[in-house]
Protein backbone atom coordinates (compact mmCIF):
# COMPACT_ATOMS: atom_id res chain seq x y z
CA MET A 1 -10.06 -5.14 -23.48
CA LYS A 2 -12.23 -7.03 -21.19
CA GLY A 3 -14.96 -6.40 -18.51
CA LEU A 4 -16.30 -7.82 -15.42
CA ARG A 5 -16.39 -11.38 -16.72
CA GLY A 6 -12.76 -11.32 -17.61
CA LEU A 7 -11.87 -9.89 -14.13
CA VAL A 8 -13.79 -12.61 -12.33
CA LYS A 9 -12.31 -15.39 -14.44
CA GLU A 10 -8.82 -14.20 -14.36
CA VAL A 11 -8.43 -12.64 -10.96
CA LEU A 12 -11.22 -13.32 -8.46
CA SER A 13 -11.98 -16.80 -9.30
CA SER A 14 -8.33 -17.84 -9.60
CA GLY A 15 -7.61 -16.31 -6.22
CA ILE A 16 -5.03 -13.82 -7.19
CA CYS A 17 -6.79 -10.73 -6.04
CA VAL A 18 -4.71 -8.61 -3.88
CA ALA A 19 -7.65 -6.58 -2.34
CA CYS A 20 -6.42 -3.27 -3.58
CA GLY A 21 -10.07 -2.00 -4.14
CA ALA A 22 -9.31 -0.37 -7.50
CA CYS A 23 -12.14 -2.17 -9.26
CA ALA A 24 -14.77 -1.35 -6.66
CA GLY A 25 -16.56 1.98 -5.49
CA VAL A 26 -17.81 2.82 -8.79
CA CYS A 27 -19.06 -0.37 -10.46
CA PRO A 28 -22.39 -1.50 -8.85
CA HIS A 29 -21.55 -5.26 -9.12
CA LEU A 30 -18.33 -4.98 -7.04
CA VAL A 31 -18.02 -4.05 -3.40
CA PHE A 32 -15.18 -4.41 -0.99
CA ARG A 33 -16.35 -6.06 2.17
CA ASP A 34 -14.75 -7.91 5.21
CA GLY A 35 -11.30 -7.75 3.76
CA ARG A 36 -12.19 -9.04 0.19
CA LEU A 37 -13.66 -8.00 -3.14
CA ILE A 38 -17.08 -9.44 -3.85
CA CYS A 39 -18.85 -9.82 -7.10
CA LEU A 40 -22.60 -9.25 -6.55
CA ASP A 41 -23.91 -9.78 -10.07
CA ASP A 42 -22.96 -10.37 -13.68
CA CYS A 43 -22.18 -7.71 -16.18
CA ASN A 44 -22.12 -8.49 -19.94
CA ARG A 45 -19.99 -5.28 -20.86
CA GLU A 46 -17.24 -6.27 -23.26
CA GLU A 47 -14.98 -3.70 -21.79
CA GLY A 48 -14.69 -2.22 -18.37
CA HIS A 49 -12.74 0.11 -15.95
CA CYS A 50 -12.77 -2.60 -13.57
CA TYR A 51 -10.67 -4.93 -15.70
CA ASP A 52 -8.37 -2.01 -17.01
CA VAL A 53 -7.15 -0.78 -13.62
CA CYS A 54 -6.71 -4.24 -11.79
CA PRO A 55 -2.96 -4.74 -11.21
CA ARG A 56 -3.24 -8.41 -11.96
CA THR A 57 -4.94 -8.28 -15.30
CA SER A 58 -1.70 -7.36 -17.08
CA SER A 59 1.85 -7.00 -16.11
CA VAL A 60 3.27 -3.72 -14.88
CA GLU A 61 6.90 -3.64 -15.67
CA PRO A 62 9.61 -2.55 -13.44
CA THR A 63 10.50 1.20 -13.89
CA GLY A 64 14.38 0.55 -14.05
CA GLY A 65 17.18 -0.58 -11.74
CA PRO A 66 16.67 -2.84 -8.57
CA ILE A 67 14.53 -0.25 -6.84
CA GLY A 68 12.92 1.51 -9.78
CA VAL A 69 13.67 4.93 -11.27
CA HIS A 70 14.36 7.47 -8.61
CA ILE A 71 15.94 10.91 -8.24
CA GLY A 72 17.11 10.52 -4.61
CA VAL A 73 17.54 8.03 -1.81
CA PHE A 74 17.83 9.08 1.95
CA ARG A 75 16.73 8.31 5.41
CA ALA A 76 14.20 10.30 7.25
CA LYS A 77 12.17 10.59 10.42
CA SER A 78 9.54 12.91 11.64
CA ARG A 79 10.54 15.65 13.87
CA LYS A 80 6.84 16.39 14.80
CA GLU A 81 4.71 14.78 17.58
CA PRO A 82 2.84 12.45 17.43
CA TRP A 83 4.19 11.03 14.15
CA SER A 84 7.60 10.02 15.61
CA ARG A 85 5.91 8.25 18.43
CA ILE A 86 3.05 6.41 16.81
CA GLY A 87 4.12 6.07 13.13
CA GLN A 88 5.81 3.02 11.89
CA TYR A 89 9.54 3.43 12.50
CA GLY A 90 10.27 7.07 11.83
CA GLY A 91 6.74 7.93 11.15
CA THR A 92 7.58 9.50 7.79
CA ALA A 93 4.58 8.32 5.71
CA SER A 94 2.10 9.42 8.28
CA ALA A 95 3.86 12.74 8.76
CA LEU A 96 3.93 13.41 5.11
CA ALA A 97 0.18 12.84 4.81
CA ALA A 98 -0.56 14.99 7.83
CA PHE A 99 1.73 17.85 6.33
CA ALA A 100 -0.02 17.69 2.87
CA VAL A 101 -3.52 18.23 4.36
CA GLU A 102 -2.30 20.60 7.17
CA GLU A 103 -0.53 22.81 4.71
CA GLY A 104 -3.29 22.75 2.10
CA LEU A 105 -1.21 21.10 -0.49
CA VAL A 106 -4.39 18.80 -1.00
CA SER A 107 -7.73 18.99 0.62
CA ARG A 108 -7.89 15.45 1.72
CA ALA A 109 -5.96 12.25 1.75
CA VAL A 110 -6.91 8.51 1.16
CA LEU A 111 -5.53 6.18 3.91
CA THR A 112 -6.15 2.87 5.36
CA SER A 113 -7.67 2.51 8.80
CA GLY A 114 -7.23 -0.08 11.16
CA ARG A 115 -10.03 0.12 13.84
CA GLU A 116 -9.73 -2.59 16.59
CA GLY A 117 -11.87 -5.51 15.85
CA GLU A 118 -12.60 -4.40 12.34
CA PRO A 119 -10.88 -5.22 8.89
CA PRO A 120 -8.68 -2.70 7.47
CA ALA A 121 -10.50 -0.31 5.10
CA GLY A 122 -9.92 2.88 3.16
CA THR A 123 -10.93 6.28 4.58
CA VAL A 124 -10.69 9.78 3.36
CA VAL A 125 -9.11 12.15 5.90
CA SER A 126 -8.90 15.93 5.88
CA SER A 127 -7.11 16.81 9.07
CA PRO A 128 -3.89 15.67 11.02
CA ALA A 129 -6.11 14.25 13.76
CA GLU A 130 -7.75 11.93 11.37
CA VAL A 131 -4.42 10.98 9.94
CA GLU A 132 -3.28 10.12 13.44
CA LYS A 133 -6.09 7.58 13.70
CA CYS A 134 -4.62 5.56 10.67
CA ALA A 135 -0.95 5.50 11.80
CA GLY A 136 0.81 2.18 11.60
CA SER A 137 0.94 -0.90 9.32
CA ARG A 138 -1.94 -3.17 8.64
CA TYR A 139 -0.21 -6.09 7.02
CA ALA A 140 -3.50 -7.11 5.33
CA GLY A 141 -5.39 -5.95 2.22
CA GLY A 142 -7.68 -3.06 2.99
CA GLY A 143 -9.03 -2.12 -0.39
CA CYS A 144 -8.43 1.60 0.16
CA LEU A 145 -8.85 2.43 -3.54
CA SER A 146 -12.59 1.64 -3.46
CA VAL A 147 -13.06 4.74 -1.24
CA PHE A 148 -10.69 6.78 -3.61
CA ASN A 149 -13.09 5.92 -6.55
CA GLN A 150 -16.02 7.05 -4.62
CA ALA A 151 -14.31 10.46 -3.59
CA ALA A 152 -13.17 10.97 -7.14
CA VAL A 153 -16.58 10.84 -8.46
CA GLU A 154 -17.83 13.35 -5.94
CA ASP A 155 -14.83 15.74 -6.21
CA SER A 156 -11.99 15.31 -8.69
CA SER A 157 -9.63 17.60 -7.00
CA PRO A 158 -6.16 15.97 -6.11
CA MET A 159 -5.98 13.69 -3.20
CA ALA A 160 -2.73 12.49 -1.53
CA LEU A 161 -2.75 8.69 -1.28
CA THR A 162 -0.66 6.22 0.93
CA VAL A 163 -0.68 2.92 -0.75
CA LEU A 164 0.95 -0.36 -1.24
CA PRO A 165 2.88 -1.24 -4.58
CA CYS A 166 -0.06 -2.97 -6.10
CA GLN A 167 -2.21 -0.03 -5.34
CA ALA A 168 0.32 2.35 -6.79
CA GLN A 169 0.28 0.35 -10.01
CA ALA A 170 -3.59 0.48 -10.13
CA LEU A 171 -3.35 4.23 -9.71
CA TRP A 172 -0.93 4.40 -12.57
CA LYS A 173 -3.35 2.31 -14.64
CA MET A 174 -6.09 4.78 -13.82
CA LYS A 175 -4.04 7.54 -15.39
CA HIS A 176 -3.20 5.65 -18.45
CA ALA A 177 -5.67 2.78 -19.09
CA GLY A 178 -7.74 3.12 -22.44
CA ALA A 179 -11.14 3.24 -20.55
CA ASN A 180 -10.00 5.73 -18.10
CA ARG A 181 -12.23 7.99 -16.00
CA PRO A 182 -11.03 11.65 -16.42
CA SER A 183 -12.20 12.42 -12.82
CA HIS A 184 -9.98 9.65 -11.35
CA ALA A 185 -6.87 10.75 -13.37
CA GLN A 186 -7.37 14.40 -12.10
CA ALA A 187 -7.91 13.25 -8.40
CA VAL A 188 -4.58 11.37 -8.30
CA GLY A 189 -2.28 13.64 -6.21
CA PRO A 190 0.90 12.81 -4.44
CA VAL A 191 1.20 9.06 -4.09
CA ILE A 192 3.12 7.85 -1.01
CA GLY A 193 4.14 4.33 -1.63
CA LEU A 194 5.07 1.69 1.08
CA PHE A 195 7.63 -0.96 0.94
CA CYS A 196 5.79 -4.32 0.78
CA THR A 197 7.05 -7.96 0.62
CA TRP A 198 3.48 -9.35 0.95
CA ALA A 199 0.16 -8.71 2.61
CA LEU A 200 -2.05 -11.10 4.49
CA ASP A 201 -5.62 -12.37 3.68
CA TYR A 202 -7.50 -10.46 6.41
CA ARG A 203 -10.09 -13.29 7.13
CA SER A 204 -7.37 -15.89 7.49
CA LEU A 205 -5.45 -13.63 9.89
CA ARG A 206 -8.45 -12.89 11.95
CA ASP A 207 -9.50 -16.59 12.33
CA PHE A 208 -5.87 -17.44 13.15
CA LEU A 209 -5.62 -14.71 15.91
CA THR A 210 -9.07 -15.80 17.29
CA LYS A 211 -7.82 -19.46 17.61
CA GLU A 212 -4.77 -18.05 19.40
CA GLY A 213 -6.71 -16.12 21.98
CA VAL A 214 -5.90 -12.61 20.70
CA SER A 215 -8.86 -10.63 21.10
CA GLU A 216 -7.66 -7.10 21.06
CA ALA A 217 -5.16 -6.64 18.13
CA ARG A 218 -4.47 -2.89 17.78
CA SER A 219 -1.29 -2.90 15.51
CA TYR A 220 1.29 -5.16 13.93
CA ASP A 221 4.89 -5.14 13.25
CA ILE A 222 7.52 -7.35 11.73
CA PRO A 223 10.85 -6.41 13.26
CA PRO A 224 14.01 -6.54 10.98
CA PRO A 225 15.86 -9.79 10.43
CA PRO A 226 16.97 -11.98 12.08
CA ALA A 227 13.99 -11.69 14.39
CA GLY A 228 11.68 -13.78 12.16
CA LEU A 229 8.58 -12.63 14.11
CA PHE A 230 5.11 -11.17 13.50
CA GLN A 231 4.21 -9.09 16.44
CA VAL A 232 0.64 -8.24 17.30
CA MET A 233 0.17 -5.45 20.00
CA GLY A 234 -2.85 -5.23 22.14
CA ARG A 235 -3.82 -2.80 24.84
CA GLN A 236 -1.72 -4.36 27.46
CA GLN A 237 -0.06 -7.37 25.91
CA GLN A 238 2.01 -8.38 23.04
CA TRP A 239 2.08 -11.64 21.09
CA ASP A 240 5.07 -12.83 19.08
CA PHE A 241 4.43 -15.34 16.31
CA PRO A 242 7.12 -17.09 14.11
CA LEU A 243 6.79 -15.89 10.53
CA ASP A 244 6.67 -19.52 9.27
CA ARG A 245 3.21 -19.60 10.94
CA ILE A 246 2.00 -16.37 9.21
CA ARG A 247 3.27 -16.92 5.70
CA PRO A 248 0.49 -19.48 4.70
CA MET A 249 -1.93 -16.47 5.10
CA VAL A 250 -0.09 -14.36 2.45
CA MET A 251 -2.45 -13.61 -0.52
CA LYS A 252 -1.83 -15.67 -3.53
CA GLY A 253 -1.55 -12.75 -5.74
CA CYS A 254 1.38 -11.39 -3.76
CA ALA A 255 3.63 -14.13 -5.23
CA MET A 256 3.07 -12.39 -8.66
CA CYS A 257 4.28 -8.93 -7.61
CA GLY A 258 7.96 -7.98 -8.12
CA ASP A 259 7.53 -4.50 -6.77
CA MET A 260 8.91 -4.33 -3.20
CA THR A 261 9.54 -0.48 -3.13
CA ALA A 262 6.35 0.98 -4.82
CA GLU A 263 7.98 2.01 -8.02
CA TYR A 264 5.01 3.69 -9.40
CA ALA A 265 4.55 6.12 -6.40
CA ASP A 266 5.94 9.65 -6.39
CA LEU A 267 7.99 8.72 -3.40
CA SER A 268 8.24 5.43 -1.39
CA VAL A 269 8.80 4.90 2.37
CA GLY A 270 10.00 1.77 4.24
CA ALA A 271 11.98 0.57 7.07
CA TYR A 272 15.64 1.61 7.53
CA GLU A 273 17.89 -1.36 8.16
CA GLY A 274 19.62 -1.33 11.53
CA ASP A 275 17.82 1.62 12.92
CA PRO A 276 14.03 1.42 13.82
CA GLU A 277 13.78 5.21 14.48
CA TRP A 278 14.26 6.13 10.84
CA ASN A 279 12.78 5.29 7.39
CA THR A 280 14.25 4.82 4.08
CA VAL A 281 12.75 7.15 1.53
CA ILE A 282 13.08 6.94 -2.23
CA VAL A 283 12.02 10.03 -4.22
CA ARG A 284 10.86 9.24 -7.79
CA THR A 285 9.21 12.31 -9.23
CA ALA A 286 9.38 15.93 -8.98
CA LEU A 287 6.03 15.87 -7.18
CA GLY A 288 7.47 13.56 -4.50
CA ARG A 289 10.62 15.68 -4.25
CA GLU A 290 8.47 18.85 -3.77
CA LEU A 291 6.43 17.40 -0.90
CA VAL A 292 9.55 16.14 0.97
CA GLU A 293 11.46 19.28 0.55
CA LYS A 294 8.54 21.30 1.79
CA ALA A 295 8.04 18.98 4.82
CA GLU A 296 11.68 19.26 5.68
CA ALA A 297 11.77 23.05 5.28
CA LYS A 298 8.77 23.34 7.63
CA GLY A 299 10.45 21.28 10.21
CA TRP A 300 8.26 18.22 9.84
CA LEU A 301 11.09 15.96 8.57
CA GLU A 302 14.72 15.19 9.30
CA CYS A 303 16.62 13.84 6.38
CA ASP A 304 20.05 12.42 6.09
CA ALA A 305 22.17 10.42 3.65
CA VAL A 306 21.85 6.68 3.16
CA PRO A 307 25.50 4.78 3.26
CA ASP A 308 26.24 2.77 0.17
CA GLU A 309 26.22 -0.44 1.85
CA ARG A 310 22.63 0.09 3.13
CA LEU A 311 21.51 0.99 -0.31
CA ARG A 312 23.13 -2.07 -1.77
CA HIS A 313 21.15 -4.36 0.72
CA LEU A 314 17.92 -2.61 -0.18
CA GLU A 315 18.66 -3.31 -3.85
CA GLU A 316 19.34 -6.96 -3.24
CA ALA A 317 16.22 -7.39 -1.26
CA SER A 318 14.08 -5.68 -4.01
CA ALA A 319 15.89 -7.77 -6.83
CA ALA A 320 15.13 -10.91 -4.73
CA LYS A 321 11.37 -10.02 -4.78
CA ARG A 322 11.42 -9.51 -8.51
CA ARG A 323 13.01 -13.09 -8.99
CA ARG A 324 10.35 -14.61 -6.72
CA ALA A 325 7.68 -12.83 -8.77
CA MET A 326 9.01 -14.25 -11.97
CA ASP A 327 8.80 -17.70 -10.54
CA GLY A 328 5.23 -17.14 -9.30
CA PHE A 329 4.16 -15.82 -12.82
CA HIS A 330 5.54 -18.78 -14.53
CA GLY A 331 3.90 -21.09 -11.79
CA LYS A 332 0.52 -19.41 -12.59
CA SER A 333 1.01 -19.80 -16.44
CA ASP A 334 1.70 -23.49 -16.02
CA GLU A 335 -1.49 -24.21 -13.94
């Protein structure tokens, strides 16, 4: 195993950090600030938790099949306000996080906030009202696992987490890595993964929007194909940018990730092709199934079957990301 020096050499200096925040929050030498990880000082430890849990220091293999191991795939949408109105598409991910804390399944959840004019950042919430403030997608690395690390040290009771695929991989490593912290393994509760093709470098996005005269970005969206747009919503105005102008801001490390559907989560949530009022949900573990079933029984979710044709499209998209990741990995190796 390696420590901070190995992390700096292999990940931070090479530019493949994906701003998941897994290495920060407990190490005094690493902080997540202004959308990126910063190393403040040297550390001569030969082994380190920071290196062990990084999703870019060693490959995390696909769990099986084009969309990973799962025990069910369906579509869902929230039946509760305000999640059906303010959440991304069907509001399922936000509704599940709010349900978990409302019903006392967990005492808190780790989400990514997106306050206007500030970079995305992790936050610990303990009420549906606090979940509401975090609804919507950020499309930029937010380092939310740095706050999970801090919260786990203070209290190791399980937390729900809504995370990107790279963050779900880091959480899996926290539970299985050799230099693991027992408090962190215990603190990982139900993990709600989000579908992700790529994430943007926040500082690059901020500079781009400033040059384009966007001063009040409140939320973002990428409508389904064939739109080819990156939409920025302000208080009273919307800006549409071609995706070709946005892709140069994608973080370099995203090219190495073949996980589109958050295979290491307990359940995964993404867009439902052809109907923006619904989400696709992939249930992967008994814990994920229990959360969904309880939310449906309590009237928080409406669930329905996914036609085979829609499932095939999802599998094709996920397989395509795996192929691109293999190309990205080989490109890194050849440098």
